[in-house]
Amino acid sequence: SRTGKRCSWLSWEEQQRWVTLMSKTKSKKILELFYELGEKMDVKIVNAKGDFQGGYCQVNDKRHIVINKIKPLDQQLNILADGFMKLNINGVFLPPILRDFIDNREKLTDAKQR
């Protein structure tokens, strides 16, 4: 049995496609906001292909976050959140959707380390 409210004008399958589409749209918006944050904080986001996880690094006083473009979008977003968490973003304005994403990632990371 399916729980939750249903929209009477949409079939269950159409509702699921809509939720998936909205989730992808939200993820793409968060990715775009991470790139904007990188520009604002002078952090270069490097999008590369290969056999690596990615993450934050500093080379010759230049800050980088490397993400693997063959990884799923949710993993790329997590790498970006982890990278920016290593920097001081407390005094930086972040759109609420981005702040929430980073805060949730930080809570999840803290819980795993306990």
C-alpha atoms as a PDB file:
ATOM      1  CA  SER A   1       0.000   0.000   0.000  1.00  0.00           C
ATOM      2  CA  ARG A   2       1.237   3.469  -0.861  1.00  0.00           C
ATOM      3  CA  THR A   3       1.259   6.065   1.863  1.00  0.00           C
ATOM      4  CA  GLY A   4       1.073   9.810   1.682  1.00  0.00           C
ATOM      5  CA  LYS A   5      -1.158  12.139  -0.250  1.00  0.00           C
ATOM      6  CA  ARG A   6      -1.809  11.542  -3.892  1.00  0.00           C
ATOM      7  CA  CYS A   7      -2.607  14.116  -6.490  1.00  0.00           C
ATOM      8  CA  SER A   8      -5.872  12.948  -8.003  1.00  0.00           C
ATOM      9  CA  TRP A   9      -4.934  14.260 -11.452  1.00  0.00           C
ATOM     10  CA  LEU A  10      -1.590  12.410 -11.605  1.00  0.00           C
ATOM     11  CA  SER A  11      -0.999   8.686 -11.665  1.00  0.00           C
ATOM     12  CA  TRP A  12       1.424   7.232  -9.106  1.00  0.00           C
ATOM     13  CA  GLU A  13       4.063   6.783 -11.817  1.00  0.00           C
ATOM     14  CA  GLU A  14       3.659  10.391 -12.988  1.00  0.00           C
ATOM     15  CA  GLN A  15       4.040  11.594  -9.399  1.00  0.00           C
ATOM     16  CA  GLN A  16       7.255   9.588  -9.016  1.00  0.00           C
ATOM     17  CA  ARG A  17       8.659  11.018 -12.272  1.00  0.00           C
ATOM     18  CA  TRP A  18       7.786  14.526 -11.069  1.00  0.00           C
ATOM     19  CA  VAL A  19       9.548  13.948  -7.710  1.00  0.00           C
ATOM     20  CA  THR A  20      12.616  12.594  -9.530  1.00  0.00           C
ATOM     21  CA  LEU A  21      12.638  15.568 -11.911  1.00  0.00           C
ATOM     22  CA  MET A  22      12.315  18.039  -9.031  1.00  0.00           C
ATOM     23  CA  SER A  23      15.115  16.281  -7.161  1.00  0.00           C
ATOM     24  CA  LYS A  24      17.414  16.489 -10.201  1.00  0.00           C
ATOM     25  CA  THR A  25      16.504  20.147 -10.716  1.00  0.00           C
ATOM     26  CA  LYS A  26      17.288  20.896  -7.061  1.00  0.00           C
ATOM     27  CA  SER A  27      20.613  19.037  -7.296  1.00  0.00           C
ATOM     28  CA  LYS A  28      21.605  20.951 -10.433  1.00  0.00           C
ATOM     29  CA  LYS A  29      20.736  24.240  -8.700  1.00  0.00           C
ATOM     30  CA  ILE A  30      22.889  23.267  -5.704  1.00  0.00           C
ATOM     31  CA  LEU A  31      25.764  22.401  -8.072  1.00  0.00           C
ATOM     32  CA  GLU A  32      25.414  25.806  -9.743  1.00  0.00           C
ATOM     33  CA  LEU A  33      25.456  27.510  -6.324  1.00  0.00           C
ATOM     34  CA  PHE A  34      28.628  25.627  -5.359  1.00  0.00           C
ATOM     35  CA  TYR A  35      30.332  26.961  -8.501  1.00  0.00           C
ATOM     36  CA  GLU A  36      29.211  30.491  -7.599  1.00  0.00           C
ATOM     37  CA  LEU A  37      30.532  30.012  -4.061  1.00  0.00           C
ATOM     38  CA  GLY A  38      33.845  28.809  -5.501  1.00  0.00           C
ATOM     39  CA  GLU A  39      34.158  31.992  -7.555  1.00  0.00           C
ATOM     40  CA  LYS A  40      33.253  34.156  -4.560  1.00  0.00           C
ATOM     41  CA  MET A  41      35.804  32.432  -2.296  1.00  0.00           C
ATOM     42  CA  ASP A  42      38.529  32.053  -4.948  1.00  0.00           C
ATOM     43  CA  VAL A  43      38.306  28.256  -4.876  1.00  0.00           C
ATOM     44  CA  LYS A  44      38.732  26.579  -8.248  1.00  0.00           C
ATOM     45  CA  ILE A  45      36.383  23.670  -8.807  1.00  0.00           C
ATOM     46  CA  VAL A  46      38.074  21.177 -11.106  1.00  0.00           C
ATOM     47  CA  ASN A  47      35.799  18.746 -12.896  1.00  0.00           C
ATOM     48  CA  ALA A  48      37.856  15.793 -14.155  1.00  0.00           C
ATOM     49  CA  LYS A  49      37.474  12.154 -15.169  1.00  0.00           C
ATOM     50  CA  GLY A  50      39.405   9.305 -13.651  1.00  0.00           C
ATOM     51  CA  ASP A  51      39.747   6.696 -10.942  1.00  0.00           C
ATOM     52  CA  PHE A  52      39.627   8.963  -7.886  1.00  0.00           C
ATOM     53  CA  GLN A  53      37.162  10.180  -5.248  1.00  0.00           C
ATOM     54  CA  GLY A  54      37.991  13.882  -5.351  1.00  0.00           C
ATOM     55  CA  GLY A  55      38.161  16.454  -2.584  1.00  0.00           C
ATOM     56  CA  TYR A  56      39.815  19.634  -1.336  1.00  0.00           C
ATOM     57  CA  CYS A  57      43.482  20.415  -1.898  1.00  0.00           C
ATOM     58  CA  GLN A  58      45.765  23.427  -1.882  1.00  0.00           C
ATOM     59  CA  VAL A  59      48.595  23.822  -4.386  1.00  0.00           C
ATOM     60  CA  ASN A  60      50.924  26.853  -4.324  1.00  0.00           C
ATOM     61  CA  ASP A  61      48.492  28.904  -2.230  1.00  0.00           C
ATOM     62  CA  LYS A  62      45.655  28.167  -4.661  1.00  0.00           C
ATOM     63  CA  ARG A  63      42.635  26.318  -3.319  1.00  0.00           C
ATOM     64  CA  HIS A  64      40.948  23.596  -5.376  1.00  0.00           C
ATOM     65  CA  ILE A  65      38.112  21.155  -4.991  1.00  0.00           C
ATOM     66  CA  VAL A  66      38.399  18.326  -7.483  1.00  0.00           C
ATOM     67  CA  ILE A  67      35.259  16.410  -8.402  1.00  0.00           C
ATOM     68  CA  ASN A  68      34.997  13.346 -10.580  1.00  0.00           C
ATOM     69  CA  LYS A  69      32.517  14.019 -13.374  1.00  0.00           C
ATOM     70  CA  ILE A  70      31.838  10.310 -13.923  1.00  0.00           C
ATOM     71  CA  LYS A  71      30.502   9.973 -10.368  1.00  0.00           C
ATOM     72  CA  PRO A  72      26.766  10.458  -9.757  1.00  0.00           C
ATOM     73  CA  LEU A  73      25.659  14.039  -9.098  1.00  0.00           C
ATOM     74  CA  ASP A  74      24.828  13.364  -5.438  1.00  0.00           C
ATOM     75  CA  GLN A  75      28.403  12.159  -4.824  1.00  0.00           C
ATOM     76  CA  GLN A  76      29.803  15.238  -6.580  1.00  0.00           C
ATOM     77  CA  LEU A  77      27.676  17.471  -4.349  1.00  0.00           C
ATOM     78  CA  ASN A  78      28.875  15.647  -1.236  1.00  0.00           C
ATOM     79  CA  ILE A  79      32.527  16.124  -2.263  1.00  0.00           C
ATOM     80  CA  LEU A  80      31.880  19.836  -2.808  1.00  0.00           C
ATOM     81  CA  ALA A  81      30.151  20.156   0.576  1.00  0.00           C
ATOM     82  CA  ASP A  82      33.010  18.316   2.292  1.00  0.00           C
ATOM     83  CA  GLY A  83      35.532  20.595   0.579  1.00  0.00           C
ATOM     84  CA  PHE A  84      33.803  23.818   1.546  1.00  0.00           C
ATOM     85  CA  MET A  85      33.321  22.549   5.117  1.00  0.00           C
ATOM     86  CA  LYS A  86      37.133  22.577   5.408  1.00  0.00           C
ATOM     87  CA  LEU A  87      37.105  26.313   4.693  1.00  0.00           C
ATOM     88  CA  ASN A  88      35.738  29.091   6.845  1.00  0.00           C
ATOM     89  CA  ILE A  89      32.284  29.696   5.368  1.00  0.00           C
ATOM     90  CA  ASN A  90      30.690  31.016   8.571  1.00  0.00           C
ATOM     91  CA  GLY A  91      30.951  34.657   7.513  1.00  0.00           C
ATOM     92  CA  VAL A  92      29.936  33.992   3.901  1.00  0.00           C
ATOM     93  CA  PHE A  93      26.334  34.478   2.762  1.00  0.00           C
ATOM     94  CA  LEU A  94      24.981  31.250   1.331  1.00  0.00           C
ATOM     95  CA  PRO A  95      21.543  30.854  -0.226  1.00  0.00           C
ATOM     96  CA  PRO A  96      19.350  28.856   2.197  1.00  0.00           C
ATOM     97  CA  ILE A  97      19.199  25.804  -0.091  1.00  0.00           C
ATOM     98  CA  LEU A  98      23.016  25.617  -0.156  1.00  0.00           C
ATOM     99  CA  ARG A  99      23.411  26.333   3.570  1.00  0.00           C
ATOM    100  CA  ASP A 100      20.877  23.566   4.349  1.00  0.00           C
ATOM    101  CA  PHE A 101      22.694  21.110   2.080  1.00  0.00           C
ATOM    102  CA  ILE A 102      26.070  21.802   3.702  1.00  0.00           C
ATOM    103  CA  ASP A 103      24.602  21.726   7.239  1.00  0.00           C
ATOM    104  CA  ASN A 104      22.878  18.387   6.567  1.00  0.00           C
ATOM    105  CA  ARG A 105      26.083  16.943   5.118  1.00  0.00           C
ATOM    106  CA  GLU A 106      28.019  18.159   8.171  1.00  0.00           C
ATOM    107  CA  LYS A 107      25.511  16.531  10.551  1.00  0.00           C
ATOM    108  CA  LEU A 108      25.692  13.270   8.607  1.00  0.00           C
ATOM    109  CA  THR A 109      29.518  13.343   8.609  1.00  0.00           C
ATOM    110  CA  ASP A 110      29.606  14.098  12.352  1.00  0.00           C
ATOM    111  CA  ALA A 111      27.218  11.232  13.072  1.00  0.00           C
ATOM    112  CA  LYS A 112      29.359   8.769  11.067  1.00  0.00           C
ATOM    113  CA  GLN A 113      32.515   9.799  12.943  1.00  0.00           C
ATOM    114  CA  ARG A 114      31.000   9.041  16.356  1.00  0.00           C
END
